[in-house]
Amino acid sequence: MELEVLKYIGSGLGAGLAVIGAGLGIGKIGAAALDAAARQPEVAGITRITMIIAAALVEGATFFALVICLMMVL
């Protein structure tokens, strides 16, 4: 296989794994937040804020990984 083809395959696999990892991470964050809110409803507001911040950090890391994968092609 030529080097160009391997660059495209690697970039596609890297981007796909980054997105799958982000989906799993955000899903775990949401499940943990709902579990915490069900156990202690009085702290649901604080838990929601913490969940949103953690999800934003996961998405930021995912966008960074996607940019790196796109830069591999160029």
C-alpha atoms as a PDB file:
ATOM      1  CA  MET A   1       0.000   0.000   0.000  1.00  0.00           C
ATOM      2  CA  GLU A   2       1.145   3.473  -0.657  1.00  0.00           C
ATOM      3  CA  LEU A   3       1.913   5.936   2.097  1.00  0.00           C
ATOM      4  CA  GLU A   4      -0.987   8.201   1.096  1.00  0.00           C
ATOM      5  CA  VAL A   5      -3.514   5.410   1.540  1.00  0.00           C
ATOM      6  CA  LEU A   6      -2.125   4.518   4.967  1.00  0.00           C
ATOM      7  CA  LYS A   7      -2.365   8.174   6.041  1.00  0.00           C
ATOM      8  CA  TYR A   8      -6.057   8.251   5.170  1.00  0.00           C
ATOM      9  CA  ILE A   9      -6.760   4.947   6.905  1.00  0.00           C
ATOM     10  CA  GLY A  10      -4.895   5.998  10.043  1.00  0.00           C
ATOM     11  CA  SER A  11      -6.598   9.357  10.133  1.00  0.00           C
ATOM     12  CA  GLY A  12     -10.030   7.795   9.731  1.00  0.00           C
ATOM     13  CA  LEU A  13      -9.400   5.189  12.408  1.00  0.00           C
ATOM     14  CA  GLY A  14      -8.020   7.784  14.810  1.00  0.00           C
ATOM     15  CA  ALA A  15     -10.978  10.104  14.320  1.00  0.00           C
ATOM     16  CA  GLY A  16     -13.440   7.255  14.733  1.00  0.00           C
ATOM     17  CA  LEU A  17     -11.816   6.021  17.939  1.00  0.00           C
ATOM     18  CA  ALA A  18     -11.744   9.560  19.338  1.00  0.00           C
ATOM     19  CA  VAL A  19     -15.453  10.032  18.717  1.00  0.00           C
ATOM     20  CA  ILE A  20     -16.352   6.612  20.131  1.00  0.00           C
ATOM     21  CA  GLY A  21     -14.276   7.326  23.234  1.00  0.00           C
ATOM     22  CA  ALA A  22     -15.958  10.678  23.716  1.00  0.00           C
ATOM     23  CA  GLY A  23     -19.399   9.131  23.386  1.00  0.00           C
ATOM     24  CA  LEU A  24     -18.588   6.495  25.966  1.00  0.00           C
ATOM     25  CA  GLY A  25     -17.063   9.068  28.314  1.00  0.00           C
ATOM     26  CA  ILE A  26     -19.996  11.457  28.136  1.00  0.00           C
ATOM     27  CA  GLY A  27     -22.395   8.537  28.596  1.00  0.00           C
ATOM     28  CA  LYS A  28     -20.587   7.476  31.768  1.00  0.00           C
ATOM     29  CA  ILE A  29     -20.613  11.072  33.029  1.00  0.00           C
ATOM     30  CA  GLY A  30     -24.363  11.344  32.443  1.00  0.00           C
ATOM     31  CA  ALA A  31     -25.086   8.004  34.092  1.00  0.00           C
ATOM     32  CA  ALA A  32     -23.024   8.907  37.152  1.00  0.00           C
ATOM     33  CA  ALA A  33     -24.713  12.310  37.439  1.00  0.00           C
ATOM     34  CA  LEU A  34     -28.183  10.794  37.251  1.00  0.00           C
ATOM     35  CA  ASP A  35     -27.227   8.200  39.841  1.00  0.00           C
ATOM     36  CA  ALA A  36     -25.898  10.912  42.157  1.00  0.00           C
ATOM     37  CA  ALA A  37     -29.047  13.016  41.703  1.00  0.00           C
ATOM     38  CA  ALA A  38     -31.238   9.999  42.443  1.00  0.00           C
ATOM     39  CA  ARG A  39     -29.347   9.258  45.647  1.00  0.00           C
ATOM     40  CA  GLN A  40     -29.241  12.857  46.897  1.00  0.00           C
ATOM     41  CA  PRO A  41     -31.803  15.070  45.147  1.00  0.00           C
ATOM     42  CA  GLU A  42     -30.761  18.157  47.123  1.00  0.00           C
ATOM     43  CA  VAL A  43     -27.388  18.317  45.324  1.00  0.00           C
ATOM     44  CA  ALA A  44     -28.786  17.757  41.839  1.00  0.00           C
ATOM     45  CA  GLY A  45     -28.029  21.343  40.762  1.00  0.00           C
ATOM     46  CA  ILE A  46     -24.373  21.150  41.749  1.00  0.00           C
ATOM     47  CA  THR A  47     -24.069  17.727  40.154  1.00  0.00           C
ATOM     48  CA  ARG A  48     -25.560  19.053  36.904  1.00  0.00           C
ATOM     49  CA  ILE A  49     -23.042  21.902  36.750  1.00  0.00           C
ATOM     50  CA  THR A  50     -20.143  19.530  37.409  1.00  0.00           C
ATOM     51  CA  MET A  51     -21.458  17.142  34.759  1.00  0.00           C
ATOM     52  CA  ILE A  52     -21.643  19.893  32.133  1.00  0.00           C
ATOM     53  CA  ILE A  53     -18.083  21.024  32.879  1.00  0.00           C
ATOM     54  CA  ALA A  54     -16.751  17.464  32.671  1.00  0.00           C
ATOM     55  CA  ALA A  55     -18.616  16.821  29.411  1.00  0.00           C
ATOM     56  CA  ALA A  56     -17.197  20.039  27.941  1.00  0.00           C
ATOM     57  CA  LEU A  57     -13.673  18.927  28.855  1.00  0.00           C
ATOM     58  CA  VAL A  58     -14.233  15.551  27.185  1.00  0.00           C
ATOM     59  CA  GLU A  59     -15.562  17.241  24.049  1.00  0.00           C
ATOM     60  CA  GLY A  60     -12.597  19.616  24.002  1.00  0.00           C
ATOM     61  CA  ALA A  61     -10.165  16.716  24.100  1.00  0.00           C
ATOM     62  CA  THR A  62     -12.155  15.023  21.335  1.00  0.00           C
ATOM     63  CA  PHE A  63     -12.008  18.084  19.091  1.00  0.00           C
ATOM     64  CA  PHE A  64      -8.257  18.271  19.700  1.00  0.00           C
ATOM     65  CA  ALA A  65      -7.894  14.622  18.662  1.00  0.00           C
ATOM     66  CA  LEU A  66     -10.000  15.208  15.541  1.00  0.00           C
ATOM     67  CA  VAL A  67      -7.870  18.181  14.529  1.00  0.00           C
ATOM     68  CA  ILE A  68      -4.713  16.121  14.973  1.00  0.00           C
ATOM     69  CA  CYS A  69      -6.228  13.351  12.814  1.00  0.00           C
ATOM     70  CA  LEU A  70      -7.125  15.852  10.101  1.00  0.00           C
ATOM     71  CA  MET A  71      -3.643  17.345  10.223  1.00  0.00           C
ATOM     72  CA  MET A  72      -2.171  13.885   9.586  1.00  0.00           C
ATOM     73  CA  VAL A  73      -3.757  13.900   6.146  1.00  0.00           C
ATOM     74  CA  LEU A  74      -2.253  17.216   5.118  1.00  0.00           C
END
